[in-house]
Amino acid sequence: MVGTVIIDLKQPLDVIWKNIKRKRRSDIKRAEKKGITIEMNTCQEEFTEMVNAFRTRHLGLPCIVVSRKTKYLFIAKSKEGEVLAGELFITRLNG
């Protein structure tokens, strides 16, 4: 089951790690052993490609204007550099 996870990033890393479910920690360790890495990507072109992929698959991404300061694209890559997955985060700034 997929859901929203809220993590207080002000906590020490060891506390965050201990609060992750055992199965997820095992998954993370297995991915590390396989050489999978996560990159934070700020490239506007790749961001636009991901937004367009959502739209073409009719996943309901709203038409919004997103500034560089409010979007984050994380990409999982194999040790060979192949893109395995991506996660797009859009934050809303108050004010």
PDB file of N, CA and C in Angstrom:
ATOM      1  N   MET A   1       0.835  -1.180   0.000  1.00  0.00           N
ATOM      2  CA  MET A   1       0.000   0.000   0.000  1.00  0.00           C
ATOM      3  C   MET A   1       0.879   1.243   0.000  1.00  0.00           C
ATOM      4  N   VAL A   2       0.552   2.182  -0.858  1.00  0.00           N
ATOM      5  CA  VAL A   2       1.299   3.426  -0.960  1.00  0.00           C
ATOM      6  C   VAL A   2       0.519   4.513  -0.253  1.00  0.00           C
ATOM      7  N   GLY A   3       1.217   5.359   0.450  1.00  0.00           N
ATOM      8  CA  GLY A   3       0.551   6.443   1.154  1.00  0.00           C
ATOM      9  C   GLY A   3       1.513   7.586   1.383  1.00  0.00           C
ATOM     10  N   THR A   4       1.028   8.582   2.048  1.00  0.00           N
ATOM     11  CA  THR A   4       1.851   9.731   2.371  1.00  0.00           C
ATOM     12  C   THR A   4       2.670   9.428   3.610  1.00  0.00           C
ATOM     13  N   VAL A   5       3.942   9.728   3.527  1.00  0.00           N
ATOM     14  CA  VAL A   5       4.837   9.542   4.663  1.00  0.00           C
ATOM     15  C   VAL A   5       5.396  10.901   5.035  1.00  0.00           C
ATOM     16  N   ILE A   6       5.283  11.252   6.289  1.00  0.00           N
ATOM     17  CA  ILE A   6       5.830  12.516   6.766  1.00  0.00           C
ATOM     18  C   ILE A   6       6.992  12.193   7.690  1.00  0.00           C
ATOM     19  N   ILE A   7       8.156  12.749   7.368  1.00  0.00           N
ATOM     20  CA  ILE A   7       9.361  12.509   8.151  1.00  0.00           C
ATOM     21  C   ILE A   7       9.886  13.847   8.647  1.00  0.00           C
ATOM     22  N   ASP A   8      10.100  13.943   9.932  1.00  0.00           N
ATOM     23  CA  ASP A   8      10.687  15.145  10.516  1.00  0.00           C
ATOM     24  C   ASP A   8      12.192  15.099  10.268  1.00  0.00           C
ATOM     25  N   LEU A   9      12.645  15.863   9.285  1.00  0.00           N
ATOM     26  CA  LEU A   9      14.051  15.829   8.891  1.00  0.00           C
ATOM     27  C   LEU A   9      14.961  16.556   9.868  1.00  0.00           C
ATOM     28  N   LYS A  10      14.390  17.126  10.914  1.00  0.00           N
ATOM     29  CA  LYS A  10      15.206  17.762  11.952  1.00  0.00           C
ATOM     30  C   LYS A  10      15.746  16.723  12.932  1.00  0.00           C
ATOM     31  N   GLN A  11      15.216  15.506  12.869  1.00  0.00           N
ATOM     32  CA  GLN A  11      15.677  14.420  13.739  1.00  0.00           C
ATOM     33  C   GLN A  11      17.037  13.918  13.261  1.00  0.00           C
ATOM     34  N   PRO A  12      17.819  13.332  14.168  1.00  0.00           N
ATOM     35  CA  PRO A  12      19.082  12.715  13.755  1.00  0.00           C
ATOM     36  C   PRO A  12      18.810  11.556  12.783  1.00  0.00           C
ATOM     37  N   LEU A  13      19.750  11.307  11.885  1.00  0.00           N
ATOM     38  CA  LEU A  13      19.591  10.266  10.872  1.00  0.00           C
ATOM     39  C   LEU A  13      19.328   8.896  11.495  1.00  0.00           C
ATOM     40  N   ASP A  14      19.994   8.577  12.607  1.00  0.00           N
ATOM     41  CA  ASP A  14      19.776   7.262  13.219  1.00  0.00           C
ATOM     42  C   ASP A  14      18.347   7.110  13.746  1.00  0.00           C
ATOM     43  N   VAL A  15      17.736   8.187  14.202  1.00  0.00           N
ATOM     44  CA  VAL A  15      16.346   8.145  14.666  1.00  0.00           C
ATOM     45  C   VAL A  15      15.410   7.951  13.475  1.00  0.00           C
ATOM     46  N   ILE A  16      15.667   8.672  12.394  1.00  0.00           N
ATOM     47  CA  ILE A  16      14.859   8.516  11.177  1.00  0.00           C
ATOM     48  C   ILE A  16      14.935   7.067  10.701  1.00  0.00           C
ATOM     49  N   TRP A  17      16.160   6.518  10.647  1.00  0.00           N
ATOM     50  CA  TRP A  17      16.362   5.147  10.177  1.00  0.00           C
ATOM     51  C   TRP A  17      15.601   4.149  11.049  1.00  0.00           C
ATOM     52  N   LYS A  18      15.660   4.316  12.366  1.00  0.00           N
ATOM     53  CA  LYS A  18      14.973   3.400  13.283  1.00  0.00           C
ATOM     54  C   LYS A  18      13.456   3.462  13.123  1.00  0.00           C
ATOM     55  N   ASN A  19      12.938   4.598  12.681  1.00  0.00           N
ATOM     56  CA  ASN A  19      11.489   4.759  12.512  1.00  0.00           C
ATOM     57  C   ASN A  19      10.972   4.226  11.178  1.00  0.00           C
ATOM     58  N   ILE A  20      11.872   3.809  10.308  1.00  0.00           N
ATOM     59  CA  ILE A  20      11.468   3.197   9.041  1.00  0.00           C
ATOM     60  C   ILE A  20      11.164   1.727   9.311  1.00  0.00           C
ATOM     61  N   LYS A  21      10.081   1.232   8.737  1.00  0.00           N
ATOM     62  CA  LYS A  21       9.698  -0.168   8.950  1.00  0.00           C
ATOM     63  C   LYS A  21      10.821  -1.104   8.511  1.00  0.00           C
ATOM     64  N   ARG A  22      10.947  -2.211   9.235  1.00  0.00           N
ATOM     65  CA  ARG A  22      12.023  -3.174   9.003  1.00  0.00           C
ATOM     66  C   ARG A  22      12.094  -3.621   7.537  1.00  0.00           C
ATOM     67  N   LYS A  23      10.948  -3.912   6.929  1.00  0.00           N
ATOM     68  CA  LYS A  23      10.904  -4.364   5.523  1.00  0.00           C
ATOM     69  C   LYS A  23      11.466  -3.289   4.597  1.00  0.00           C
ATOM     70  N   ARG A  24      11.126  -2.030   4.846  1.00  0.00           N
ATOM     71  CA  ARG A  24      11.624  -0.935   4.003  1.00  0.00           C
ATOM     72  C   ARG A  24      13.134  -0.766   4.172  1.00  0.00           C
ATOM     73  N   ARG A  25      13.624  -0.899   5.414  1.00  0.00           N
ATOM     74  CA  ARG A  25      15.076  -0.810   5.640  1.00  0.00           C
ATOM     75  C   ARG A  25      15.791  -1.916   4.869  1.00  0.00           C
ATOM     76  N   SER A  26      15.203  -3.107   4.867  1.00  0.00           N
ATOM     77  CA  SER A  26      15.771  -4.231   4.123  1.00  0.00           C
ATOM     78  C   SER A  26      15.787  -3.934   2.624  1.00  0.00           C
ATOM     79  N   ASP A  27      14.700  -3.355   2.117  1.00  0.00           N
ATOM     80  CA  ASP A  27      14.629  -2.982   0.695  1.00  0.00           C
ATOM     81  C   ASP A  27      15.711  -1.964   0.346  1.00  0.00           C
ATOM     82  N   ILE A  28      15.907  -0.987   1.222  1.00  0.00           N
ATOM     83  CA  ILE A  28      16.913   0.053   0.987  1.00  0.00           C
ATOM     84  C   ILE A  28      18.311  -0.559   0.963  1.00  0.00           C
ATOM     85  N   LYS A  29      18.603  -1.430   1.913  1.00  0.00           N
ATOM     86  CA  LYS A  29      19.923  -2.076   1.965  1.00  0.00           C
ATOM     87  C   LYS A  29      20.171  -2.919   0.717  1.00  0.00           C
ATOM     88  N   ARG A  30      19.131  -3.634   0.262  1.00  0.00           N
ATOM     89  CA  ARG A  30      19.257  -4.460  -0.943  1.00  0.00           C
ATOM     90  C   ARG A  30      19.546  -3.581  -2.169  1.00  0.00           C
ATOM     91  N   ALA A  31      18.861  -2.459  -2.267  1.00  0.00           N
ATOM     92  CA  ALA A  31      19.094  -1.536  -3.385  1.00  0.00           C
ATOM     93  C   ALA A  31      20.520  -0.987  -3.342  1.00  0.00           C
ATOM     94  N   GLU A  32      21.001  -0.648  -2.151  1.00  0.00           N
ATOM     95  CA  GLU A  32      22.377  -0.158  -2.013  1.00  0.00           C
ATOM     96  C   GLU A  32      23.378  -1.206  -2.492  1.00  0.00           C
ATOM     97  N   LYS A  33      23.158  -2.471  -2.126  1.00  0.00           N
ATOM     98  CA  LYS A  33      24.057  -3.548  -2.542  1.00  0.00           C
ATOM     99  C   LYS A  33      24.075  -3.714  -4.057  1.00  0.00           C
ATOM    100  N   LYS A  34      22.939  -3.421  -4.699  1.00  0.00           N
ATOM    101  CA  LYS A  34      22.853  -3.525  -6.160  1.00  0.00           C
ATOM    102  C   LYS A  34      23.427  -2.297  -6.860  1.00  0.00           C
ATOM    103  N   GLY A  35      23.833  -1.292  -6.079  1.00  0.00           N
ATOM    104  CA  GLY A  35      24.433  -0.095  -6.663  1.00  0.00           C
ATOM    105  C   GLY A  35      23.430   0.952  -7.108  1.00  0.00           C
ATOM    106  N   ILE A  36      22.186   0.836  -6.671  1.00  0.00           N
ATOM    107  CA  ILE A  36      21.165   1.816  -7.041  1.00  0.00           C
ATOM    108  C   ILE A  36      21.387   3.095  -6.247  1.00  0.00           C
ATOM    109  N   THR A  37      21.328   4.215  -6.942  1.00  0.00           N
ATOM    110  CA  THR A  37      21.518   5.517  -6.309  1.00  0.00           C
ATOM    111  C   THR A  37      20.305   6.397  -6.575  1.00  0.00           C
ATOM    112  N   ILE A  38      20.148   7.418  -5.749  1.00  0.00           N
ATOM    113  CA  ILE A  38      19.081   8.402  -5.917  1.00  0.00           C
ATOM    114  C   ILE A  38      19.738   9.751  -6.155  1.00  0.00           C
ATOM    115  N   GLU A  39      19.298  10.445  -7.184  1.00  0.00           N
ATOM    116  CA  GLU A  39      19.816  11.772  -7.495  1.00  0.00           C
ATOM    117  C   GLU A  39      18.692  12.788  -7.407  1.00  0.00           C
ATOM    118  N   MET A  40      19.007  13.950  -6.849  1.00  0.00           N
ATOM    119  CA  MET A  40      18.056  15.058  -6.905  1.00  0.00           C
ATOM    120  C   MET A  40      18.375  15.814  -8.182  1.00  0.00           C
ATOM    121  N   ASN A  41      17.381  15.968  -9.028  1.00  0.00           N
ATOM    122  CA  ASN A  41      17.586  16.564 -10.338  1.00  0.00           C
ATOM    123  C   ASN A  41      16.892  17.915 -10.402  1.00  0.00           C
ATOM    124  N   THR A  42      17.633  18.933 -10.795  1.00  0.00           N
ATOM    125  CA  THR A  42      17.052  20.270 -10.917  1.00  0.00           C
ATOM    126  C   THR A  42      16.969  20.713 -12.376  1.00  0.00           C
ATOM    127  N   CYS A  43      17.171  19.788 -13.299  1.00  0.00           N
ATOM    128  CA  CYS A  43      17.151  20.109 -14.728  1.00  0.00           C
ATOM    129  C   CYS A  43      15.716  20.391 -15.187  1.00  0.00           C
ATOM    130  N   GLN A  44      15.484  21.586 -15.693  1.00  0.00           N
ATOM    131  CA  GLN A  44      14.147  21.981 -16.138  1.00  0.00           C
ATOM    132  C   GLN A  44      13.636  21.067 -17.249  1.00  0.00           C
ATOM    133  N   GLU A  45      14.523  20.655 -18.147  1.00  0.00           N
ATOM    134  CA  GLU A  45      14.116  19.810 -19.273  1.00  0.00           C
ATOM    135  C   GLU A  45      13.582  18.453 -18.787  1.00  0.00           C
ATOM    136  N   GLU A  46      14.280  17.826 -17.858  1.00  0.00           N
ATOM    137  CA  GLU A  46      13.826  16.530 -17.349  1.00  0.00           C
ATOM    138  C   GLU A  46      12.551  16.672 -16.528  1.00  0.00           C
ATOM    139  N   PHE A  47      12.415  17.784 -15.819  1.00  0.00           N
ATOM    140  CA  PHE A  47      11.185  18.053 -15.076  1.00  0.00           C
ATOM    141  C   PHE A  47      10.008  18.140 -16.044  1.00  0.00           C
ATOM    142  N   THR A  48      10.180  18.886 -17.132  1.00  0.00           N
ATOM    143  CA  THR A  48       9.127  19.049 -18.137  1.00  0.00           C
ATOM    144  C   THR A  48       8.766  17.702 -18.762  1.00  0.00           C
ATOM    145  N   GLU A  49       9.772  16.863 -19.045  1.00  0.00           N
ATOM    146  CA  GLU A  49       9.513  15.534 -19.600  1.00  0.00           C
ATOM    147  C   GLU A  49       8.643  14.705 -18.659  1.00  0.00           C
ATOM    148  N   MET A  50       8.929  14.768 -17.366  1.00  0.00           N
ATOM    149  CA  MET A  50       8.148  13.984 -16.413  1.00  0.00           C
ATOM    150  C   MET A  50       6.713  14.498 -16.323  1.00  0.00           C
ATOM    151  N   VAL A  51       6.536  15.812 -16.301  1.00  0.00           N
ATOM    152  CA  VAL A  51       5.190  16.395 -16.269  1.00  0.00           C
ATOM    153  C   VAL A  51       4.410  15.956 -17.503  1.00  0.00           C
ATOM    154  N   ASN A  52       5.042  16.007 -18.672  1.00  0.00           N
ATOM    155  CA  ASN A  52       4.372  15.600 -19.906  1.00  0.00           C
ATOM    156  C   ASN A  52       4.021  14.111 -19.892  1.00  0.00           C
ATOM    157  N   ALA A  53       4.882  13.284 -19.304  1.00  0.00           N
ATOM    158  CA  ALA A  53       4.591  11.849 -19.199  1.00  0.00           C
ATOM    159  C   ALA A  53       3.346  11.623 -18.344  1.00  0.00           C
ATOM    160  N   PHE A  54       3.212  12.377 -17.258  1.00  0.00           N
ATOM    161  CA  PHE A  54       2.012  12.272 -16.423  1.00  0.00           C
ATOM    162  C   PHE A  54       0.778  12.668 -17.225  1.00  0.00           C
ATOM    163  N   ARG A  55       0.882  13.750 -17.952  1.00  0.00           N
ATOM    164  CA  ARG A  55      -0.280  14.236 -18.716  1.00  0.00           C
ATOM    165  C   ARG A  55      -0.691  13.247 -19.798  1.00  0.00           C
ATOM    166  N   THR A  56       0.276  12.664 -20.509  1.00  0.00           N
ATOM    167  CA  THR A  56      -0.074  11.739 -21.589  1.00  0.00           C
ATOM    168  C   THR A  56      -0.682  10.453 -21.051  1.00  0.00           C
ATOM    169  N   ARG A  57      -0.398  10.131 -19.811  1.00  0.00           N
ATOM    170  CA  ARG A  57      -0.984   8.930 -19.207  1.00  0.00           C
ATOM    171  C   ARG A  57      -2.269   9.262 -18.456  1.00  0.00           C
ATOM    172  N   HIS A  58      -2.719  10.503 -18.596  1.00  0.00           N
ATOM    173  CA  HIS A  58      -3.976  10.958 -17.987  1.00  0.00           C
ATOM    174  C   HIS A  58      -3.996  10.724 -16.476  1.00  0.00           C
ATOM    175  N   LEU A  59      -2.907  11.078 -15.835  1.00  0.00           N
ATOM    176  CA  LEU A  59      -2.816  10.860 -14.392  1.00  0.00           C
ATOM    177  C   LEU A  59      -3.289  12.061 -13.587  1.00  0.00           C
ATOM    178  N   GLY A  60      -3.903  13.000 -14.254  1.00  0.00           N
ATOM    179  CA  GLY A  60      -4.552  14.083 -13.533  1.00  0.00           C
ATOM    180  C   GLY A  60      -3.633  15.143 -12.970  1.00  0.00           C
ATOM    181  N   LEU A  61      -2.442  15.309 -13.542  1.00  0.00           N
ATOM    182  CA  LEU A  61      -1.565  16.375 -13.065  1.00  0.00           C
ATOM    183  C   LEU A  61      -2.170  17.708 -13.471  1.00  0.00           C
ATOM    184  N   PRO A  62      -2.424  18.584 -12.535  1.00  0.00           N
ATOM    185  CA  PRO A  62      -3.069  19.854 -12.871  1.00  0.00           C
ATOM    186  C   PRO A  62      -2.157  20.761 -13.681  1.00  0.00           C
ATOM    187  N   CYS A  63      -2.769  21.630 -14.455  1.00  0.00           N
ATOM    188  CA  CYS A  63      -2.012  22.647 -15.188  1.00  0.00           C
ATOM    189  C   CYS A  63      -1.658  23.747 -14.196  1.00  0.00           C
ATOM    190  N   ILE A  64      -0.428  23.779 -13.785  1.00  0.00           N
ATOM    191  CA  ILE A  64       0.016  24.775 -12.823  1.00  0.00           C
ATOM    192  C   ILE A  64       1.354  25.335 -13.254  1.00  0.00           C
ATOM    193  N   VAL A  65       1.645  26.493 -12.780  1.00  0.00           N
ATOM    194  CA  VAL A  65       2.958  27.082 -13.004  1.00  0.00           C
ATOM    195  C   VAL A  65       3.782  26.770 -11.764  1.00  0.00           C
ATOM    196  N   VAL A  66       4.909  26.130 -11.966  1.00  0.00           N
ATOM    197  CA  VAL A  66       5.744  25.715 -10.848  1.00  0.00           C
ATOM    198  C   VAL A  66       7.096  26.398 -10.970  1.00  0.00           C
ATOM    199  N   SER A  67       7.485  27.113  -9.932  1.00  0.00           N
ATOM    200  CA  SER A  67       8.786  27.775  -9.966  1.00  0.00           C
ATOM    201  C   SER A  67       9.876  26.769  -9.633  1.00  0.00           C
ATOM    202  N   ARG A  68      11.103  27.108  -9.938  1.00  0.00           N
ATOM    203  CA  ARG A  68      12.235  26.231  -9.652  1.00  0.00           C
ATOM    204  C   ARG A  68      12.373  25.949  -8.159  1.00  0.00           C
ATOM    205  N   LYS A  69      11.921  26.864  -7.325  1.00  0.00           N
ATOM    206  CA  LYS A  69      12.083  26.710  -5.884  1.00  0.00           C
ATOM    207  C   LYS A  69      11.045  25.776  -5.273  1.00  0.00           C
ATOM    208  N   THR A  70      10.033  25.381  -6.019  1.00  0.00           N
ATOM    209  CA  THR A  70       8.960  24.577  -5.432  1.00  0.00           C
ATOM    210  C   THR A  70       8.818  23.192  -6.053  1.00  0.00           C
ATOM    211  N   LYS A  71       9.769  22.769  -6.857  1.00  0.00           N
ATOM    212  CA  LYS A  71       9.686  21.442  -7.468  1.00  0.00           C
ATOM    213  C   LYS A  71      10.981  20.677  -7.236  1.00  0.00           C
ATOM    214  N   TYR A  72      10.817  19.388  -7.051  1.00  0.00           N
ATOM    215  CA  TYR A  72      11.960  18.523  -6.832  1.00  0.00           C
ATOM    216  C   TYR A  72      11.727  17.229  -7.586  1.00  0.00           C
ATOM    217  N   LEU A  73      12.706  16.799  -8.347  1.00  0.00           N
ATOM    218  CA  LEU A  73      12.628  15.557  -9.099  1.00  0.00           C
ATOM    219  C   LEU A  73      13.743  14.647  -8.592  1.00  0.00           C
ATOM    220  N   PHE A  74      13.372  13.488  -8.088  1.00  0.00           N
ATOM    221  CA  PHE A  74      14.347  12.511  -7.623  1.00  0.00           C
ATOM    222  C   PHE A  74      14.323  11.333  -8.586  1.00  0.00           C
ATOM    223  N   ILE A  75      15.503  10.889  -9.009  1.00  0.00           N
ATOM    224  CA  ILE A  75      15.611   9.815  -9.992  1.00  0.00           C
ATOM    225  C   ILE A  75      16.452   8.685  -9.407  1.00  0.00           C
ATOM    226  N   ALA A  76      15.932   7.457  -9.483  1.00  0.00           N
ATOM    227  CA  ALA A  76      16.684   6.267  -9.071  1.00  0.00           C
ATOM    228  C   ALA A  76      17.374   5.705 -10.301  1.00  0.00           C
ATOM    229  N   LYS A  77      18.689   5.466 -10.177  1.00  0.00           N
ATOM    230  CA  LYS A  77      19.466   4.949 -11.303  1.00  0.00           C
ATOM    231  C   LYS A  77      20.243   3.712 -10.886  1.00  0.00           C
ATOM    232  N   SER A  78      20.400   2.801 -11.856  1.00  0.00           N
ATOM    233  CA  SER A  78      21.235   1.623 -11.628  1.00  0.00           C
ATOM    234  C   SER A  78      22.693   2.055 -11.649  1.00  0.00           C
ATOM    235  N   LYS A  79      23.598   1.146 -11.266  1.00  0.00           N
ATOM    236  CA  LYS A  79      25.015   1.506 -11.290  1.00  0.00           C
ATOM    237  C   LYS A  79      25.507   1.750 -12.712  1.00  0.00           C
ATOM    238  N   GLU A  80      24.761   1.269 -13.709  1.00  0.00           N
ATOM    239  CA  GLU A  80      25.103   1.518 -15.112  1.00  0.00           C
ATOM    240  C   GLU A  80      24.547   2.851 -15.612  1.00  0.00           C
ATOM    241  N   GLY A  81      23.763   3.533 -14.778  1.00  0.00           N
ATOM    242  CA  GLY A  81      23.206   4.831 -15.153  1.00  0.00           C
ATOM    243  C   GLY A  81      21.811   4.775 -15.745  1.00  0.00           C
ATOM    244  N   GLU A  82      21.215   3.588 -15.811  1.00  0.00           N
ATOM    245  CA  GLU A  82      19.861   3.451 -16.354  1.00  0.00           C
ATOM    246  C   GLU A  82      18.847   4.006 -15.353  1.00  0.00           C
ATOM    247  N   VAL A  83      17.909   4.820 -15.845  1.00  0.00           N
ATOM    248  CA  VAL A  83      16.867   5.364 -14.980  1.00  0.00           C
ATOM    249  C   VAL A  83      15.870   4.255 -14.670  1.00  0.00           C
ATOM    250  N   LEU A  84      15.662   4.005 -13.383  1.00  0.00           N
ATOM    251  CA  LEU A  84      14.754   2.946 -12.938  1.00  0.00           C
ATOM    252  C   LEU A  84      13.404   3.490 -12.502  1.00  0.00           C
ATOM    253  N   ALA A  85      13.413   4.688 -11.922  1.00  0.00           N
ATOM    254  CA  ALA A  85      12.174   5.276 -11.408  1.00  0.00           C
ATOM    255  C   ALA A  85      12.399   6.758 -11.151  1.00  0.00           C
ATOM    256  N   GLY A  86      11.303   7.468 -11.022  1.00  0.00           N
ATOM    257  CA  GLY A  86      11.382   8.887 -10.696  1.00  0.00           C
ATOM    258  C   GLY A  86      10.244   9.275  -9.778  1.00  0.00           C
ATOM    259  N   GLU A  87      10.474  10.296  -9.007  1.00  0.00           N
ATOM    260  CA  GLU A  87       9.453  10.789  -8.084  1.00  0.00           C
ATOM    261  C   GLU A  87       9.466  12.306  -8.171  1.00  0.00           C
ATOM    262  N   LEU A  88       8.315  12.866  -8.406  1.00  0.00           N
ATOM    263  CA  LEU A  88       8.172  14.308  -8.566  1.00  0.00           C
ATOM    264  C   LEU A  88       7.475  14.882  -7.341  1.00  0.00           C
ATOM    265  N   PHE A  89       8.091  15.884  -6.732  1.00  0.00           N
ATOM    266  CA  PHE A  89       7.508  16.556  -5.570  1.00  0.00           C
ATOM    267  C   PHE A  89       7.280  18.011  -5.925  1.00  0.00           C
ATOM    268  N   ILE A  90       6.091  18.489  -5.674  1.00  0.00           N
ATOM    269  CA  ILE A  90       5.762  19.901  -5.883  1.00  0.00           C
ATOM    270  C   ILE A  90       5.288  20.434  -4.546  1.00  0.00           C
ATOM    271  N   THR A  91       5.956  21.471  -4.082  1.00  0.00           N
ATOM    272  CA  THR A  91       5.576  22.054  -2.799  1.00  0.00           C
ATOM    273  C   THR A  91       4.843  23.361  -3.030  1.00  0.00           C
ATOM    274  N   ARG A  92       4.086  23.744  -2.058  1.00  0.00           N
ATOM    275  CA  ARG A  92       3.348  24.999  -2.138  1.00  0.00           C
ATOM    276  C   ARG A  92       3.911  25.946  -1.093  1.00  0.00           C
ATOM    277  N   LEU A  93       4.284  27.112  -1.551  1.00  0.00           N
ATOM    278  CA  LEU A  93       4.795  28.120  -0.634  1.00  0.00           C
ATOM    279  C   LEU A  93       3.662  29.026  -0.217  1.00  0.00           C
ATOM    280  N   ASN A  94       3.545  29.302   1.056  1.00  0.00           N
ATOM    281  CA  ASN A  94       2.524  30.227   1.541  1.00  0.00           C
ATOM    282  C   ASN A  94       2.981  31.656   1.307  1.00  0.00           C
ATOM    283  N   GLY A  95       2.016  32.472   0.927  1.00  0.00           N
ATOM    284  CA  GLY A  95       2.330  33.885   0.779  1.00  0.00           C
ATOM    285  C   GLY A  95       2.454  34.312  -0.559  1.00  0.00           C
TER     286      GLY A  95
END
